[in-house]
Protein backbone atom coordinates (compact mmCIF):
# COMPACT_ATOMS: atom_id res chain seq x y z
CA MET A 1 0.00 0.00 0.00
CA ARG A 2 1.26 3.45 -0.90
CA ILE A 3 0.40 5.00 2.45
CA SER A 4 3.97 4.16 3.45
CA LYS A 5 5.40 3.79 0.03
CA LYS A 6 8.57 1.83 -0.45
CA ILE A 7 10.55 1.17 2.73
CA ALA A 8 13.73 0.85 0.70
CA CYS A 9 13.26 4.33 -0.77
CA PHE A 10 12.73 5.68 2.74
CA LEU A 11 15.98 4.14 3.98
CA PHE A 12 17.92 5.52 1.02
CA ALA A 13 16.44 8.99 1.53
CA ALA A 14 17.24 8.85 5.23
CA CYS A 15 20.87 7.99 4.47
CA MET A 16 21.06 10.92 2.10
CA ALA A 17 19.67 13.18 4.81
CA VAL A 18 22.34 12.05 7.28
CA SER A 19 25.09 12.76 4.77
CA VAL A 20 24.19 16.46 4.68
CA LEU A 21 23.55 17.07 8.38
CA ALA A 22 26.86 18.90 8.76
CA VAL A 23 26.17 21.33 5.93
CA PRO A 24 24.29 24.39 7.21
CA ASN A 25 22.31 26.41 4.68
CA THR A 26 21.27 29.99 5.25
CA LYS A 27 19.44 30.45 1.94
CA ALA A 28 15.84 31.69 2.10
CA TYR A 29 13.40 29.01 0.92
CA ALA A 30 9.73 28.78 0.03
CA GLN A 31 7.47 27.41 2.76
CA ALA A 32 6.32 23.80 2.85
CA LYS A 33 2.73 23.13 1.74
CA VAL A 34 0.22 21.35 3.96
CA SER A 35 -2.63 19.35 2.44
CA SER A 36 -5.36 21.06 4.47
CA GLU A 37 -5.93 23.54 7.28
CA LYS A 38 -8.77 21.44 8.70
CA MET A 39 -9.19 17.66 8.96
CA ASN A 40 -12.33 15.62 9.66
CA ILE A 41 -11.70 12.15 11.09
CA THR A 42 -13.66 9.32 12.70
CA VAL A 43 -13.27 8.45 16.39
CA ASN A 44 -11.38 5.20 17.11
CA SER A 45 -10.64 4.65 13.41
CA THR A 46 -7.15 3.61 12.33
CA TYR A 47 -8.01 4.40 8.70
CA THR A 48 -8.39 8.16 8.79
CA ASN A 49 -7.09 10.82 6.44
CA GLN A 50 -3.51 11.87 7.09
CA ILE A 51 -1.91 15.29 7.08
CA GLU A 52 0.45 15.52 4.11
CA ILE A 53 3.33 18.00 4.03
CA THR A 54 5.00 18.69 0.68
CA TYR A 55 8.57 19.79 1.26
CA SER A 56 10.03 22.87 -0.41
CA GLU A 57 13.73 23.45 -1.04
CA GLY A 58 15.62 23.30 2.25
CA ASP A 59 12.97 21.29 4.12
CA ALA A 60 14.06 17.88 5.37
CA GLN A 61 12.18 16.71 8.47
CA ILE A 62 9.19 17.14 10.78
CA LYS A 63 9.69 18.00 14.44
CA ASN A 64 7.72 19.01 17.55
CA ILE A 65 4.45 17.30 16.62
CA LYS A 66 1.94 18.16 19.37
CA THR A 67 -1.80 18.02 20.01
CA ASN A 68 -3.80 20.08 22.49
CA SER A 69 -5.43 17.02 24.06
CA LYS A 70 -4.49 13.53 25.22
CA ASN A 71 -7.56 12.31 23.32
CA LEU A 72 -5.93 13.01 19.96
CA ILE A 73 -2.76 11.20 18.93
CA ALA A 74 -0.61 12.55 16.09
CA LYS A 75 2.43 10.69 14.81
CA GLN A 76 4.62 10.96 11.74
CA THR A 77 3.94 7.95 9.52
CA TYR A 78 5.96 8.71 6.39
CA GLN A 79 9.17 10.52 5.44
CA TYR A 80 10.79 10.94 2.03
CA TYR A 81 13.43 13.64 1.65
CA HIS A 82 16.09 14.35 -0.94
CA GLN A 83 18.32 17.38 -1.27
CA GLU A 84 18.26 17.60 -5.06
CA ALA A 85 15.01 18.49 -6.83
CA TYR A 86 13.25 15.76 -8.85
CA THR A 87 11.87 17.89 -11.67
CA TYR A 88 9.49 15.18 -12.90
CA SER A 89 7.72 14.92 -9.54
CA GLU A 90 4.81 16.87 -8.05
CA ARG A 91 6.79 16.76 -4.80
CA PRO A 92 10.28 17.71 -6.06
CA TYR A 93 11.94 17.65 -2.61
CA GLY A 94 9.85 14.86 -1.08
CA TYR A 95 7.06 14.84 1.47
CA ALA A 96 5.94 13.60 4.87
CA ARG A 97 2.70 12.44 6.44
CA ILE A 98 1.26 12.70 9.95
CA GLY A 99 -1.31 10.13 11.03
CA LEU A 100 -4.18 10.96 13.41
CA PHE A 101 -6.15 8.92 15.94
CA ALA A 102 -8.97 10.29 18.11
CA LYS A 103 -10.09 8.57 21.31
CA LYS A 104 -13.13 10.80 21.76
CA ALA A 105 -15.26 13.08 19.61
CA GLY A 106 -14.33 16.75 19.73
CA ASN A 107 -12.47 19.64 18.16
CA TYR A 108 -8.69 19.53 18.41
CA ARG A 109 -5.56 21.25 17.16
CA VAL A 110 -2.28 19.80 15.86
CA THR A 111 0.94 21.81 15.61
CA PHE A 112 4.32 20.90 14.14
CA ASP A 113 7.49 22.41 12.69
CA VAL A 114 9.15 21.76 9.35
CA CYS A 115 12.94 21.80 9.75
CA GLY A 116 16.05 21.67 7.60
CA PRO A 117 18.72 18.92 7.58
CA ASP A 118 20.51 20.58 10.49
CA GLY A 119 17.33 20.73 12.59
CA SER A 120 16.75 24.46 12.19
CA LYS A 121 13.09 25.48 11.97
CA LYS A 122 11.94 26.55 8.50
CA SER A 123 8.20 26.96 9.16
CA SER A 124 5.54 26.27 11.79
CA HIS A 125 2.04 24.94 11.12
CA SER A 126 -1.26 24.56 12.99
CA LEU A 127 -4.30 22.54 11.88
CA ARG A 128 -7.80 22.07 13.23
CA VAL A 129 -9.05 18.51 13.60
CA LYS A 130 -12.70 17.54 14.07
CA ALA A 131 -13.35 14.01 15.31
CA GLY A 132 -16.84 12.54 15.02
CA ASN A 133 -18.43 9.28 16.12
CA SER A 134 -19.24 6.44 13.74
CA ASP A 135 -20.83 3.02 13.92
CA ARG A 136 -17.74 0.89 14.53
CA ASN A 137 -19.68 -2.34 13.89
CA GLU A 138 -20.33 -1.41 10.29
CA SER A 139 -17.71 -0.88 7.61
CA PRO A 140 -18.26 2.22 5.46
CA VAL A 141 -17.62 0.13 2.33
CA LYS A 142 -20.25 -2.60 1.99
CA LYS A 143 -18.66 -4.22 -1.05
CA ALA A 144 -15.82 -3.58 -3.51
CA THR A 145 -15.31 -5.61 -6.68
CA PHE A 146 -13.04 -5.75 -9.71
CA ALA A 147 -14.33 -7.63 -12.74
CA GLY A 148 -17.15 -8.90 -10.52
CA LYS A 149 -14.88 -10.40 -7.83
CA GLU A 150 -14.20 -9.22 -4.28
CA THR A 151 -10.61 -10.50 -4.27
CA PHE A 152 -7.95 -7.85 -3.60
CA PHE A 153 -4.33 -7.60 -2.40
CA GLU A 154 -3.12 -10.50 -4.54
CA LEU A 155 -2.09 -11.32 -8.12
CA CYS A 156 -4.87 -10.72 -10.62
CA GLY A 157 -5.32 -12.75 -13.79
CA LYS A 158 -7.39 -10.10 -15.55
CA LYS A 159 -5.90 -7.09 -17.28
CA SER A 160 -9.06 -4.98 -17.24
CA GLY A 161 -12.50 -4.90 -15.70
CA LYS A 162 -14.99 -2.71 -13.86
CA PHE A 163 -14.13 -1.40 -10.38
CA LYS A 164 -17.27 -0.98 -8.31
CA VAL A 165 -17.89 0.17 -4.75
CA GLU A 166 -21.11 -0.13 -2.74
CA MET A 167 -21.34 1.96 0.43
CA ASN A 168 -23.23 1.01 3.58
CA LYS A 169 -26.14 3.09 4.79
CA GLY A 170 -25.01 6.35 6.34
CA TYR A 171 -21.97 6.74 4.08
CA LYS A 172 -21.60 8.55 0.78
CA LEU A 173 -18.92 7.87 -1.81
CA LYS A 174 -16.86 11.01 -2.37
CA SER A 175 -14.28 9.95 -4.97
CA ILE A 176 -12.25 7.06 -6.38
CA THR A 177 -8.62 7.51 -7.43
CA MET A 178 -6.71 4.84 -9.33
CA ILE A 179 -2.94 4.89 -8.75
CA THR A 180 -0.39 3.12 -10.95
CA ASP A 181 3.26 3.52 -11.96
CA ASP A 182 4.48 4.37 -15.45
CA ALA A 183 7.53 3.03 -17.29
CA ASN A 184 9.70 5.82 -15.79
CA GLY A 185 8.83 4.97 -12.20
CA LYS A 186 6.50 7.94 -11.75
CA SER A 187 3.29 7.51 -9.79
CA VAL A 188 0.22 8.26 -11.92
CA GLU A 189 -3.09 9.19 -10.27
CA LYS A 190 -6.37 9.20 -12.16
CA LYS A 191 -9.86 10.00 -10.90
CA ILE A 192 -12.39 7.40 -12.05
CA LYS A 193 -16.15 7.04 -11.78
CA ASN A 194 -17.74 4.22 -9.85
CA ASN A 195 -18.46 1.03 -11.84
CA THR A 196 -16.10 2.13 -14.63
CA LYS A 197 -14.02 -0.25 -16.72
CA VAL A 198 -10.30 0.32 -16.11
CA THR A 199 -7.02 -1.21 -17.20
CA LEU A 200 -4.64 -2.26 -14.43
CA GLY A 201 -1.09 -0.90 -14.28
CA GLU A 202 1.57 -2.65 -16.34
CA TYR A 203 4.78 -1.45 -14.70
CA ALA A 204 6.31 -2.13 -11.30
CA TYR A 205 7.58 0.81 -9.30
CA LYS A 206 11.27 1.27 -10.00
CA SER A 207 13.80 3.84 -8.84
CA GLU A 208 17.48 4.01 -9.67
CA ASP A 209 20.23 6.58 -9.45
CA ASP A 210 23.96 6.78 -9.93
CA TYR A 211 26.40 9.53 -9.11
CA THR A 212 30.12 10.23 -8.98
CA TYR A 213 31.94 11.73 -6.01
CA TYR A 214 35.56 12.22 -4.97
CA ASP A 215 37.64 11.64 -1.88
CA TYR A 216 41.29 12.56 -1.17
CA ASP A 217 44.38 10.91 0.27
CA TYR A 218 47.10 13.08 1.79
CA ASP A 219 50.74 11.91 1.92
CA PRO A 220 52.51 13.64 4.87
CA VAL A 221 55.94 12.78 3.42
CA THR A 222 55.52 14.18 -0.08
CA TYR A 223 52.87 16.71 0.91
CA GLN A 224 50.88 15.49 -2.06
CA GLU A 225 47.15 15.10 -2.21
CA THR A 226 45.66 12.40 -4.43
CA ARG A 227 42.10 12.63 -5.66
CA ARG A 228 40.17 9.40 -6.19
CA GLU A 229 36.95 9.11 -8.12
CA ARG A 230 34.15 7.06 -6.58
CA TRP A 231 30.92 5.81 -8.10
CA SER A 232 27.67 4.85 -6.41
CA TYR A 233 24.57 3.16 -7.81
CA TYR A 234 21.14 2.69 -6.23
CA LEU A 235 18.24 0.51 -7.43
CA TYR A 236 14.84 -0.38 -6.01
CA SER A 237 12.05 -2.22 -7.80
CA ASP A 238 8.76 -3.79 -6.76
CA MET A 239 8.18 -7.43 -7.64
CA PHE A 240 4.82 -6.71 -9.27
CA ALA A 241 2.88 -3.95 -10.99
CA GLN A 242 0.50 -2.52 -8.39
CA THR A 243 -2.81 -0.82 -9.02
CA GLU A 244 -4.28 0.88 -5.99
CA PHE A 245 -7.83 2.19 -5.69
CA ARG A 246 -8.18 4.96 -3.11
CA VAL A 247 -11.83 5.27 -2.05
CA GLU A 248 -12.76 8.44 -0.18
CA TYR A 249 -16.10 8.65 1.58
CA VAL A 250 -18.15 10.85 3.94
CA ASN A 251 -20.31 9.96 6.91
CA THR A 252 -23.60 11.64 6.00
CA LYS A 253 -24.51 12.24 9.65
CA THR A 254 -21.26 13.42 11.23
CA LYS A 255 -19.71 14.75 7.98
CA THR A 256 -16.42 13.08 8.93
CA GLN A 257 -14.31 11.76 6.08
CA GLY A 258 -12.36 8.56 5.64
CA THR A 259 -10.36 6.57 3.11
CA ALA A 260 -10.32 2.89 2.14
CA TYR A 261 -7.68 1.23 -0.06
CA PHE A 262 -7.95 -1.73 -2.43
CA SER A 263 -4.95 -3.05 -4.39
CA LEU A 264 -4.37 -5.56 -7.17
CA TYR A 265 -1.09 -6.87 -8.60
CA ARG A 266 0.02 -8.11 -12.01
CA ILE A 267 3.21 -9.50 -13.54
CA PRO A 268 5.01 -6.33 -14.79
CA LYS A 269 6.44 -5.52 -18.19
CA ASN A 270 9.66 -4.20 -16.63
């Protein structure tokens, strides 16, 4: 599931972040973007919307996450940072997510800081969170099918078919987003209508990078410095081509929002 996309990519990004911790930067940067100023979530639900922070140049980490009540838990659930801009991405410097969990219904506030690689604060943010009650004994999604079958999260033998969602009483379907990867490793999101025929993704997620760097040896006898060229290569690839359906819905009584995920996998072309 892409909620915590690619552990290997996270580890690589974290290593890159560590490598630049000792390099302070005093340049003025644009402020990070937050997905929303107000969040609606469901009490006692582990599948609530998450706060998403899109990093700008110079942003590298989230710190000082706090809530104004012990009844609301906020925790960072995702981190992807890289110093160099990825021009092909909607999040050129990476992004982070903060998950939310409410023990009781109410209105809350979450605050956090976006910091640079050296820990210096770049921007501060504050969001309102409304938590509402829901019938915990009833799933918002009554039924989800692809090509007439309710089987998800495994290899699929069909290339195309209709994706259909039926909601339980008291819930309204808000939107469906289909997420795949293209041949270049870029995530592609497409809004689809309910009960629409779609074609599953054909490519597995893949990321690779290589770069050259130099280190130096100093000879104290000859007072000579020798430069050596080094080369590094990084590769990550999923085993299968994943198609994820992100179903967003609204509780018609409490107006709280939630998200359900359904994934299918196929043998990839790459």
